[in-house]
Amino acid sequence: MAPTISAGRTTADTTVLERRPVTLVCDVTGVPPPAVTWSHDGVGVSEDGGRRRRLLKGGRVLQLTPALVDDFGVYECSAHNVVGVDRTQFRLHVLGTFTPQS
C-alpha cells in the first residue's frame, strides 16, 4: 500500500512565538512502513545532536525546541516506500519578540 499522509494534529499553517517549542506531525500510513524525511525550504532537515531539532517516532515528528525566527518557512514531509511516495507541506510562521531598549 502506497504511503498516505493524512491531516494530523498539525495544520498546514502553524504560527508560534519565538523561543517557544513547535511540533510538526507527519501522520503517515503505508505497507511496508514508509520512510519519512523532512526538508525546510528545500534543504534536508536532520537532528542537530538533540539540541534544538529532534526527529521522533521514526522521523514522523519534527520538534523544534525552541523555534527561532530563522526557522520560518515551508517544511515538507515526504513518506516513501517501494510502492510509492506522498508529500505534504507545512508553513511555519515564527513571531519574533520585541524587547524595548532603555
PDB file of N, CA and C in Angstrom:
ATOM      1  N   MET A   1       0.847  -1.176   0.000  1.00  0.00           N
ATOM      2  CA  MET A   1       0.000   0.000   0.000  1.00  0.00           C
ATOM      3  C   MET A   1       0.890   1.236   0.000  1.00  0.00           C
ATOM      4  N   ALA A   2       0.646   2.117  -0.943  1.00  0.00           N
ATOM      5  CA  ALA A   2       1.439   3.338  -1.048  1.00  0.00           C
ATOM      6  C   ALA A   2       1.247   4.216   0.187  1.00  0.00           C
ATOM      7  N   PRO A   3       2.254   5.007   0.530  1.00  0.00           N
ATOM      8  CA  PRO A   3       2.127   5.908   1.673  1.00  0.00           C
ATOM      9  C   PRO A   3       0.997   6.913   1.470  1.00  0.00           C
ATOM     10  N   THR A   4       0.313   7.198   2.562  1.00  0.00           N
ATOM     11  CA  THR A   4      -0.717   8.235   2.572  1.00  0.00           C
ATOM     12  C   THR A   4      -0.506   9.083   3.812  1.00  0.00           C
ATOM     13  N   ILE A   5      -0.382  10.394   3.599  1.00  0.00           N
ATOM     14  CA  ILE A   5      -0.237  11.321   4.717  1.00  0.00           C
ATOM     15  C   ILE A   5      -1.590  11.961   4.953  1.00  0.00           C
ATOM     16  N   SER A   6      -2.098  11.832   6.167  1.00  0.00           N
ATOM     17  CA  SER A   6      -3.390  12.433   6.495  1.00  0.00           C
ATOM     18  C   SER A   6      -3.170  13.712   7.291  1.00  0.00           C
ATOM     19  N   ALA A   7      -4.204  14.523   7.325  1.00  0.00           N
ATOM     20  CA  ALA A   7      -4.140  15.750   8.127  1.00  0.00           C
ATOM     21  C   ALA A   7      -4.071  15.311   9.584  1.00  0.00           C
ATOM     22  N   GLY A   8      -2.919  15.472  10.170  1.00  0.00           N
ATOM     23  CA  GLY A   8      -2.715  15.043  11.547  1.00  0.00           C
ATOM     24  C   GLY A   8      -3.054  16.139  12.532  1.00  0.00           C
ATOM     25  N   ARG A   9      -2.297  16.148  13.590  1.00  0.00           N
ATOM     26  CA  ARG A   9      -2.547  17.124  14.657  1.00  0.00           C
ATOM     27  C   ARG A   9      -1.955  18.486  14.341  1.00  0.00           C
ATOM     28  N   THR A  10      -1.266  18.606  13.225  1.00  0.00           N
ATOM     29  CA  THR A  10      -0.646  19.871  12.854  1.00  0.00           C
ATOM     30  C   THR A  10      -1.354  20.426  11.626  1.00  0.00           C
ATOM     31  N   THR A  11      -1.682  21.708  11.646  1.00  0.00           N
ATOM     32  CA  THR A  11      -2.322  22.309  10.491  1.00  0.00           C
ATOM     33  C   THR A  11      -1.262  22.738   9.479  1.00  0.00           C
ATOM     34  N   ALA A  12      -1.695  22.971   8.254  1.00  0.00           N
ATOM     35  CA  ALA A  12      -0.768  23.368   7.188  1.00  0.00           C
ATOM     36  C   ALA A  12      -0.093  24.702   7.489  1.00  0.00           C
ATOM     37  N   ASP A  13      -0.789  25.602   8.187  1.00  0.00           N
ATOM     38  CA  ASP A  13      -0.209  26.878   8.615  1.00  0.00           C
ATOM     39  C   ASP A  13      -0.104  26.875  10.128  1.00  0.00           C
ATOM     40  N   THR A  14       1.120  27.000  10.615  1.00  0.00           N
ATOM     41  CA  THR A  14       1.359  26.982  12.054  1.00  0.00           C
ATOM     42  C   THR A  14       2.109  28.244  12.432  1.00  0.00           C
ATOM     43  N   THR A  15       1.640  28.899  13.485  1.00  0.00           N
ATOM     44  CA  THR A  15       2.294  30.108  13.981  1.00  0.00           C
ATOM     45  C   THR A  15       2.715  29.869  15.424  1.00  0.00           C
ATOM     46  N   VAL A  16       3.937  30.262  15.731  1.00  0.00           N
ATOM     47  CA  VAL A  16       4.468  30.082  17.082  1.00  0.00           C
ATOM     48  C   VAL A  16       5.262  31.328  17.444  1.00  0.00           C
ATOM     49  N   LEU A  17       5.307  31.640  18.728  1.00  0.00           N
ATOM     50  CA  LEU A  17       6.145  32.731  19.207  1.00  0.00           C
ATOM     51  C   LEU A  17       7.591  32.258  19.272  1.00  0.00           C
ATOM     52  N   GLU A  18       8.503  33.163  18.962  1.00  0.00           N
ATOM     53  CA  GLU A  18       9.923  32.844  19.053  1.00  0.00           C
ATOM     54  C   GLU A  18      10.251  32.351  20.459  1.00  0.00           C
ATOM     55  N   ARG A  19      11.150  31.391  20.522  1.00  0.00           N
ATOM     56  CA  ARG A  19      11.627  30.773  21.761  1.00  0.00           C
ATOM     57  C   ARG A  19      10.610  29.832  22.404  1.00  0.00           C
ATOM     58  N   ARG A  20       9.534  29.510  21.678  1.00  0.00           N
ATOM     59  CA  ARG A  20       8.566  28.516  22.144  1.00  0.00           C
ATOM     60  C   ARG A  20       8.776  27.242  21.325  1.00  0.00           C
ATOM     61  N   PRO A  21       8.470  26.090  21.887  1.00  0.00           N
ATOM     62  CA  PRO A  21       8.610  24.852  21.117  1.00  0.00           C
ATOM     63  C   PRO A  21       7.497  24.708  20.088  1.00  0.00           C
ATOM     64  N   VAL A  22       7.802  24.022  18.999  1.00  0.00           N
ATOM     65  CA  VAL A  22       6.790  23.709  17.993  1.00  0.00           C
ATOM     66  C   VAL A  22       7.025  22.277  17.521  1.00  0.00           C
ATOM     67  N   THR A  23       5.920  21.576  17.261  1.00  0.00           N
ATOM     68  CA  THR A  23       5.977  20.197  16.810  1.00  0.00           C
ATOM     69  C   THR A  23       5.172  20.057  15.524  1.00  0.00           C
ATOM     70  N   LEU A  24       5.792  19.503  14.485  1.00  0.00           N
ATOM     71  CA  LEU A  24       5.116  19.213  13.218  1.00  0.00           C
ATOM     72  C   LEU A  24       4.976  17.703  13.113  1.00  0.00           C
ATOM     73  N   VAL A  25       3.768  17.239  12.813  1.00  0.00           N
ATOM     74  CA  VAL A  25       3.481  15.808  12.794  1.00  0.00           C
ATOM     75  C   VAL A  25       3.129  15.372  11.376  1.00  0.00           C
ATOM     76  N   CYS A  26       3.844  14.369  10.886  1.00  0.00           N
ATOM     77  CA  CYS A  26       3.587  13.770   9.580  1.00  0.00           C
ATOM     78  C   CYS A  26       2.881  12.441   9.839  1.00  0.00           C
ATOM     79  N   ASP A  27       1.561  12.455   9.810  1.00  0.00           N
ATOM     80  CA  ASP A  27       0.750  11.278  10.134  1.00  0.00           C
ATOM     81  C   ASP A  27       0.620  10.429   8.878  1.00  0.00           C
ATOM     82  N   VAL A  28       1.441   9.366   8.792  1.00  0.00           N
ATOM     83  CA  VAL A  28       1.542   8.589   7.563  1.00  0.00           C
ATOM     84  C   VAL A  28       1.218   7.116   7.802  1.00  0.00           C
ATOM     85  N   THR A  29       0.580   6.502   6.799  1.00  0.00           N
ATOM     86  CA  THR A  29       0.332   5.068   6.812  1.00  0.00           C
ATOM     87  C   THR A  29       0.839   4.496   5.497  1.00  0.00           C
ATOM     88  N   GLY A  30       1.095   3.200   5.481  1.00  0.00           N
ATOM     89  CA  GLY A  30       1.536   2.516   4.268  1.00  0.00           C
ATOM     90  C   GLY A  30       2.122   1.158   4.604  1.00  0.00           C
ATOM     91  N   VAL A  31       2.139   0.271   3.618  1.00  0.00           N
ATOM     92  CA  VAL A  31       2.709  -1.063   3.782  1.00  0.00           C
ATOM     93  C   VAL A  31       3.588  -1.345   2.578  1.00  0.00           C
ATOM     94  N   PRO A  32       4.880  -1.622   2.774  1.00  0.00           N
ATOM     95  CA  PRO A  32       5.580  -1.656   4.047  1.00  0.00           C
ATOM     96  C   PRO A  32       5.661  -0.262   4.664  1.00  0.00           C
ATOM     97  N   PRO A  33       5.978  -0.179   5.979  1.00  0.00           N
ATOM     98  CA  PRO A  33       6.030   1.126   6.639  1.00  0.00           C
ATOM     99  C   PRO A  33       6.944   2.086   5.878  1.00  0.00           C
ATOM    100  N   PRO A  34       6.428   3.275   5.572  1.00  0.00           N
ATOM    101  CA  PRO A  34       7.220   4.242   4.804  1.00  0.00           C
ATOM    102  C   PRO A  34       8.348   4.870   5.616  1.00  0.00           C
ATOM    103  N   ALA A  35       9.415   5.210   4.921  1.00  0.00           N
ATOM    104  CA  ALA A  35      10.474   6.038   5.495  1.00  0.00           C
ATOM    105  C   ALA A  35      10.032   7.480   5.363  1.00  0.00           C
ATOM    106  N   VAL A  36      10.331   8.293   6.367  1.00  0.00           N
ATOM    107  CA  VAL A  36       9.898   9.694   6.379  1.00  0.00           C
ATOM    108  C   VAL A  36      11.123  10.590   6.416  1.00  0.00           C
ATOM    109  N   THR A  37      11.129  11.605   5.547  1.00  0.00           N
ATOM    110  CA  THR A  37      12.184  12.618   5.555  1.00  0.00           C
ATOM    111  C   THR A  37      11.538  14.000   5.586  1.00  0.00           C
ATOM    112  N   TRP A  38      12.277  14.968   6.081  1.00  0.00           N
ATOM    113  CA  TRP A  38      11.804  16.345   6.181  1.00  0.00           C
ATOM    114  C   TRP A  38      12.759  17.271   5.444  1.00  0.00           C
ATOM    115  N   SER A  39      12.208  18.346   4.880  1.00  0.00           N
ATOM    116  CA  SER A  39      13.038  19.412   4.322  1.00  0.00           C
ATOM    117  C   SER A  39      12.485  20.750   4.790  1.00  0.00           C
ATOM    118  N   HIS A  40      13.355  21.747   4.827  1.00  0.00           N
ATOM    119  CA  HIS A  40      12.991  23.116   5.196  1.00  0.00           C
ATOM    120  C   HIS A  40      13.437  24.015   4.054  1.00  0.00           C
ATOM    121  N   ASP A  41      12.466  24.603   3.362  1.00  0.00           N
ATOM    122  CA  ASP A  41      12.738  25.436   2.186  1.00  0.00           C
ATOM    123  C   ASP A  41      13.652  24.708   1.194  1.00  0.00           C
ATOM    124  N   GLY A  42      13.381  23.412   0.999  1.00  0.00           N
ATOM    125  CA  GLY A  42      14.097  22.621   0.008  1.00  0.00           C
ATOM    126  C   GLY A  42      15.390  21.987   0.477  1.00  0.00           C
ATOM    127  N   VAL A  43      15.797  22.227   1.720  1.00  0.00           N
ATOM    128  CA  VAL A  43      17.038  21.672   2.258  1.00  0.00           C
ATOM    129  C   VAL A  43      16.682  20.616   3.299  1.00  0.00           C
ATOM    130  N   GLY A  44      17.322  19.452   3.204  1.00  0.00           N
ATOM    131  CA  GLY A  44      17.037  18.362   4.134  1.00  0.00           C
ATOM    132  C   GLY A  44      17.229  18.757   5.587  1.00  0.00           C
ATOM    133  N   VAL A  45      16.346  18.264   6.434  1.00  0.00           N
ATOM    134  CA  VAL A  45      16.401  18.531   7.876  1.00  0.00           C
ATOM    135  C   VAL A  45      16.900  17.275   8.571  1.00  0.00           C
ATOM    136  N   SER A  46      17.840  17.455   9.459  1.00  0.00           N
ATOM    137  CA  SER A  46      18.310  16.345  10.279  1.00  0.00           C
ATOM    138  C   SER A  46      18.410  16.829  11.716  1.00  0.00           C
ATOM    139  N   GLU A  47      18.580  15.885  12.617  1.00  0.00           N
ATOM    140  CA  GLU A  47      18.758  16.259  14.016  1.00  0.00           C
ATOM    141  C   GLU A  47      20.080  16.981  14.183  1.00  0.00           C
ATOM    142  N   ASP A  48      20.141  17.842  15.165  1.00  0.00           N
ATOM    143  CA  ASP A  48      21.377  18.584  15.423  1.00  0.00           C
ATOM    144  C   ASP A  48      21.977  18.164  16.758  1.00  0.00           C
ATOM    145  N   GLY A  49      22.073  16.879  16.965  1.00  0.00           N
ATOM    146  CA  GLY A  49      22.648  16.381  18.206  1.00  0.00           C
ATOM    147  C   GLY A  49      21.696  16.498  19.380  1.00  0.00           C
ATOM    148  N   GLY A  50      20.403  16.628  19.105  1.00  0.00           N
ATOM    149  CA  GLY A  50      19.418  16.701  20.175  1.00  0.00           C
ATOM    150  C   GLY A  50      19.315  18.050  20.838  1.00  0.00           C
ATOM    151  N   ARG A  51      19.990  19.058  20.289  1.00  0.00           N
ATOM    152  CA  ARG A  51      19.971  20.362  20.948  1.00  0.00           C
ATOM    153  C   ARG A  51      18.698  21.134  20.639  1.00  0.00           C
ATOM    154  N   ARG A  52      18.382  21.351  19.366  1.00  0.00           N
ATOM    155  CA  ARG A  52      17.210  22.147  19.012  1.00  0.00           C
ATOM    156  C   ARG A  52      16.247  21.410  18.106  1.00  0.00           C
ATOM    157  N   ARG A  53      16.772  20.630  17.186  1.00  0.00           N
ATOM    158  CA  ARG A  53      15.918  19.882  16.241  1.00  0.00           C
ATOM    159  C   ARG A  53      15.952  18.410  16.609  1.00  0.00           C
ATOM    160  N   ARG A  54      14.751  17.859  16.758  1.00  0.00           N
ATOM    161  CA  ARG A  54      14.664  16.442  17.083  1.00  0.00           C
ATOM    162  C   ARG A  54      13.670  15.776  16.150  1.00  0.00           C
ATOM    163  N   LEU A  55      14.034  14.600  15.661  1.00  0.00           N
ATOM    164  CA  LEU A  55      13.138  13.766  14.865  1.00  0.00           C
ATOM    165  C   LEU A  55      12.712  12.609  15.759  1.00  0.00           C
ATOM    166  N   LEU A  56      11.421  12.473  15.968  1.00  0.00           N
ATOM    167  CA  LEU A  56      10.884  11.476  16.875  1.00  0.00           C
ATOM    168  C   LEU A  56       9.958  10.524  16.131  1.00  0.00           C
ATOM    169  N   LYS A  57       9.646   9.403  16.748  1.00  0.00           N
ATOM    170  CA  LYS A  57       8.710   8.417  16.195  1.00  0.00           C
ATOM    171  C   LYS A  57       9.066   8.021  14.761  1.00  0.00           C
ATOM    172  N   GLY A  58      10.318   7.635  14.577  1.00  0.00           N
ATOM    173  CA  GLY A  58      10.765   7.192  13.257  1.00  0.00           C
ATOM    174  C   GLY A  58      10.787   8.303  12.224  1.00  0.00           C
ATOM    175  N   GLY A  59      10.963   9.541  12.669  1.00  0.00           N
ATOM    176  CA  GLY A  59      11.008  10.683  11.759  1.00  0.00           C
ATOM    177  C   GLY A  59       9.657  11.300  11.476  1.00  0.00           C
ATOM    178  N   ARG A  60       8.612  10.744  12.023  1.00  0.00           N
ATOM    179  CA  ARG A  60       7.264  11.255  11.736  1.00  0.00           C
ATOM    180  C   ARG A  60       6.936  12.527  12.493  1.00  0.00           C
ATOM    181  N   VAL A  61       7.739  12.853  13.487  1.00  0.00           N
ATOM    182  CA  VAL A  61       7.530  14.065  14.278  1.00  0.00           C
ATOM    183  C   VAL A  61       8.806  14.887  14.224  1.00  0.00           C
ATOM    184  N   LEU A  62       8.663  16.152  13.851  1.00  0.00           N
ATOM    185  CA  LEU A  62       9.777  17.104  13.860  1.00  0.00           C
ATOM    186  C   LEU A  62       9.504  18.101  14.972  1.00  0.00           C
ATOM    187  N   GLN A  63      10.447  18.199  15.897  1.00  0.00           N
ATOM    188  CA  GLN A  63      10.278  19.087  17.038  1.00  0.00           C
ATOM    189  C   GLN A  63      11.393  20.127  17.031  1.00  0.00           C
ATOM    190  N   LEU A  64      11.017  21.386  17.127  1.00  0.00           N
ATOM    191  CA  LEU A  64      11.970  22.497  17.232  1.00  0.00           C
ATOM    192  C   LEU A  64      11.821  23.076  18.634  1.00  0.00           C
ATOM    193  N   THR A  65      12.882  22.977  19.424  1.00  0.00           N
ATOM    194  CA  THR A  65      12.829  23.435  20.808  1.00  0.00           C
ATOM    195  C   THR A  65      14.069  24.239  21.118  1.00  0.00           C
ATOM    196  N   PRO A  66      14.002  25.536  21.151  1.00  0.00           N
ATOM    197  CA  PRO A  66      12.867  26.386  20.826  1.00  0.00           C
ATOM    198  C   PRO A  66      12.884  26.759  19.341  1.00  0.00           C
ATOM    199  N   ALA A  67      11.756  27.268  18.863  1.00  0.00           N
ATOM    200  CA  ALA A  67      11.691  27.794  17.494  1.00  0.00           C
ATOM    201  C   ALA A  67      12.332  29.181  17.475  1.00  0.00           C
ATOM    202  N   LEU A  68      13.110  29.435  16.458  1.00  0.00           N
ATOM    203  CA  LEU A  68      13.733  30.751  16.270  1.00  0.00           C
ATOM    204  C   LEU A  68      13.177  31.387  15.009  1.00  0.00           C
ATOM    205  N   VAL A  69      13.328  32.689  14.880  1.00  0.00           N
ATOM    206  CA  VAL A  69      12.800  33.404  13.720  1.00  0.00           C
ATOM    207  C   VAL A  69      13.330  32.793  12.421  1.00  0.00           C
ATOM    208  N   ASP A  70      14.585  32.340  12.415  1.00  0.00           N
ATOM    209  CA  ASP A  70      15.179  31.735  11.213  1.00  0.00           C
ATOM    210  C   ASP A  70      14.506  30.424  10.810  1.00  0.00           C
ATOM    211  N   ASP A  71      13.696  29.855  11.693  1.00  0.00           N
ATOM    212  CA  ASP A  71      13.019  28.591  11.396  1.00  0.00           C
ATOM    213  C   ASP A  71      11.772  28.773  10.546  1.00  0.00           C
ATOM    214  N   PHE A  72      11.355  30.016  10.297  1.00  0.00           N
ATOM    215  CA  PHE A  72      10.153  30.233   9.491  1.00  0.00           C
ATOM    216  C   PHE A  72      10.372  29.671   8.092  1.00  0.00           C
ATOM    217  N   GLY A  73       9.281  29.339   7.423  1.00  0.00           N
ATOM    218  CA  GLY A  73       9.379  28.862   6.047  1.00  0.00           C
ATOM    219  C   GLY A  73       8.502  27.649   5.815  1.00  0.00           C
ATOM    220  N   VAL A  74       8.791  26.958   4.724  1.00  0.00           N
ATOM    221  CA  VAL A  74       7.993  25.797   4.311  1.00  0.00           C
ATOM    222  C   VAL A  74       8.741  24.521   4.672  1.00  0.00           C
ATOM    223  N   TYR A  75       8.076  23.679   5.448  1.00  0.00           N
ATOM    224  CA  TYR A  75       8.596  22.365   5.802  1.00  0.00           C
ATOM    225  C   TYR A  75       7.820  21.338   5.004  1.00  0.00           C
ATOM    226  N   GLU A  76       8.542  20.399   4.398  1.00  0.00           N
ATOM    227  CA  GLU A  76       7.885  19.341   3.645  1.00  0.00           C
ATOM    228  C   GLU A  76       8.216  18.002   4.277  1.00  0.00           C
ATOM    229  N   CYS A  77       7.167  17.218   4.480  1.00  0.00           N
ATOM    230  CA  CYS A  77       7.296  15.854   4.955  1.00  0.00           C
ATOM    231  C   CYS A  77       7.105  14.954   3.741  1.00  0.00           C
ATOM    232  N   SER A  78       8.041  14.044   3.524  1.00  0.00           N
ATOM    233  CA  SER A  78       7.971  13.108   2.405  1.00  0.00           C
ATOM    234  C   SER A  78       8.012  11.689   2.959  1.00  0.00           C
ATOM    235  N   ALA A  79       7.025  10.884   2.566  1.00  0.00           N
ATOM    236  CA  ALA A  79       6.963   9.487   3.001  1.00  0.00           C
ATOM    237  C   ALA A  79       7.086   8.602   1.768  1.00  0.00           C
ATOM    238  N   HIS A  80       7.993   7.622   1.829  1.00  0.00           N
ATOM    239  CA  HIS A  80       8.178   6.775   0.648  1.00  0.00           C
ATOM    240  C   HIS A  80       8.451   5.333   1.052  1.00  0.00           C
ATOM    241  N   ASN A  81       7.918   4.429   0.242  1.00  0.00           N
ATOM    242  CA  ASN A  81       8.231   3.009   0.352  1.00  0.00           C
ATOM    243  C   ASN A  81       8.330   2.461  -1.078  1.00  0.00           C
ATOM    244  N   VAL A  82       8.451   1.150  -1.239  1.00  0.00           N
ATOM    245  CA  VAL A  82       8.624   0.572  -2.565  1.00  0.00           C
ATOM    246  C   VAL A  82       7.400   0.740  -3.457  1.00  0.00           C
ATOM    247  N   VAL A  83       6.258   1.069  -2.879  1.00  0.00           N
ATOM    248  CA  VAL A  83       5.012   1.196  -3.638  1.00  0.00           C
ATOM    249  C   VAL A  83       4.777   2.621  -4.133  1.00  0.00           C
ATOM    250  N   GLY A  84       5.276   3.625  -3.407  1.00  0.00           N
ATOM    251  CA  GLY A  84       5.023   4.995  -3.833  1.00  0.00           C
ATOM    252  C   GLY A  84       5.534   6.044  -2.861  1.00  0.00           C
ATOM    253  N   VAL A  85       5.088   7.268  -3.117  1.00  0.00           N
ATOM    254  CA  VAL A  85       5.525   8.435  -2.353  1.00  0.00           C
ATOM    255  C   VAL A  85       4.324   9.332  -2.087  1.00  0.00           C
ATOM    256  N   ASP A  86       4.308   9.984  -0.932  1.00  0.00           N
ATOM    257  CA  ASP A  86       3.339  11.037  -0.644  1.00  0.00           C
ATOM    258  C   ASP A  86       4.087  12.155   0.064  1.00  0.00           C
ATOM    259  N   ARG A  87       3.619  13.368  -0.144  1.00  0.00           N
ATOM    260  CA  ARG A  87       4.259  14.549   0.455  1.00  0.00           C
ATOM    261  C   ARG A  87       3.190  15.499   0.956  1.00  0.00           C
ATOM    262  N   THR A  88       3.560  16.265   1.981  1.00  0.00           N
ATOM    263  CA  THR A  88       2.707  17.355   2.428  1.00  0.00           C
ATOM    264  C   THR A  88       3.590  18.484   2.932  1.00  0.00           C
ATOM    265  N   GLN A  89       3.044  19.691   2.907  1.00  0.00           N
ATOM    266  CA  GLN A  89       3.816  20.859   3.332  1.00  0.00           C
ATOM    267  C   GLN A  89       3.147  21.554   4.504  1.00  0.00           C
ATOM    268  N   PHE A  90       4.001  22.128   5.339  1.00  0.00           N
ATOM    269  CA  PHE A  90       3.572  22.947   6.468  1.00  0.00           C
ATOM    270  C   PHE A  90       4.254  24.303   6.326  1.00  0.00           C
ATOM    271  N   ARG A  91       3.513  25.375   6.537  1.00  0.00           N
ATOM    272  CA  ARG A  91       4.105  26.710   6.557  1.00  0.00           C
ATOM    273  C   ARG A  91       4.237  27.137   8.007  1.00  0.00           C
ATOM    274  N   LEU A  92       5.468  27.370   8.431  1.00  0.00           N
ATOM    275  CA  LEU A  92       5.729  27.764   9.810  1.00  0.00           C
ATOM    276  C   LEU A  92       6.030  29.251   9.866  1.00  0.00           C
ATOM    277  N   HIS A  93       5.279  29.943  10.703  1.00  0.00           N
ATOM    278  CA  HIS A  93       5.479  31.376  10.955  1.00  0.00           C
ATOM    279  C   HIS A  93       5.988  31.504  12.387  1.00  0.00           C
ATOM    280  N   VAL A  94       7.119  32.170  12.550  1.00  0.00           N
ATOM    281  CA  VAL A  94       7.682  32.372  13.882  1.00  0.00           C
ATOM    282  C   VAL A  94       7.662  33.867  14.159  1.00  0.00           C
ATOM    283  N   LEU A  95       6.890  34.253  15.171  1.00  0.00           N
ATOM    284  CA  LEU A  95       6.751  35.656  15.513  1.00  0.00           C
ATOM    285  C   LEU A  95       7.854  36.050  16.482  1.00  0.00           C
ATOM    286  N   GLY A  96       8.672  37.012  16.077  1.00  0.00           N
ATOM    287  CA  GLY A  96       9.759  37.478  16.927  1.00  0.00           C
ATOM    288  C   GLY A  96       9.222  38.294  18.090  1.00  0.00           C
ATOM    289  N   THR A  97      10.006  38.337  19.129  1.00  0.00           N
ATOM    290  CA  THR A  97       9.630  39.129  20.296  1.00  0.00           C
ATOM    291  C   THR A  97      10.382  40.445  20.255  1.00  0.00           C
ATOM    292  N   PHE A  98       9.725  41.490  20.692  1.00  0.00           N
ATOM    293  CA  PHE A  98      10.321  42.818  20.698  1.00  0.00           C
ATOM    294  C   PHE A  98      10.668  43.162  22.138  1.00  0.00           C
ATOM    295  N   THR A  99      11.924  43.488  22.353  1.00  0.00           N
ATOM    296  CA  THR A  99      12.360  43.900  23.674  1.00  0.00           C
ATOM    297  C   THR A  99      12.771  45.361  23.600  1.00  0.00           C
ATOM    298  N   PRO A 100      11.997  46.260  24.246  1.00  0.00           N
ATOM    299  CA  PRO A 100      12.362  47.677  24.189  1.00  0.00           C
ATOM    300  C   PRO A 100      13.711  47.936  24.871  1.00  0.00           C
ATOM    301  N   GLN A 101      14.462  48.807  24.270  1.00  0.00           N
ATOM    302  CA  GLN A 101      15.766  49.177  24.838  1.00  0.00           C
ATOM    303  C   GLN A 101      15.581  50.438  25.660  1.00  0.00           C
ATOM    304  N   SER A 102      16.258  50.491  26.782  1.00  0.00           N
ATOM    305  CA  SER A 102      16.110  51.684  27.639  1.00  0.00           C
ATOM    306  C   SER A 102      17.192  52.695  27.361  1.00  0.00           C
TER     307      SER A 102
END
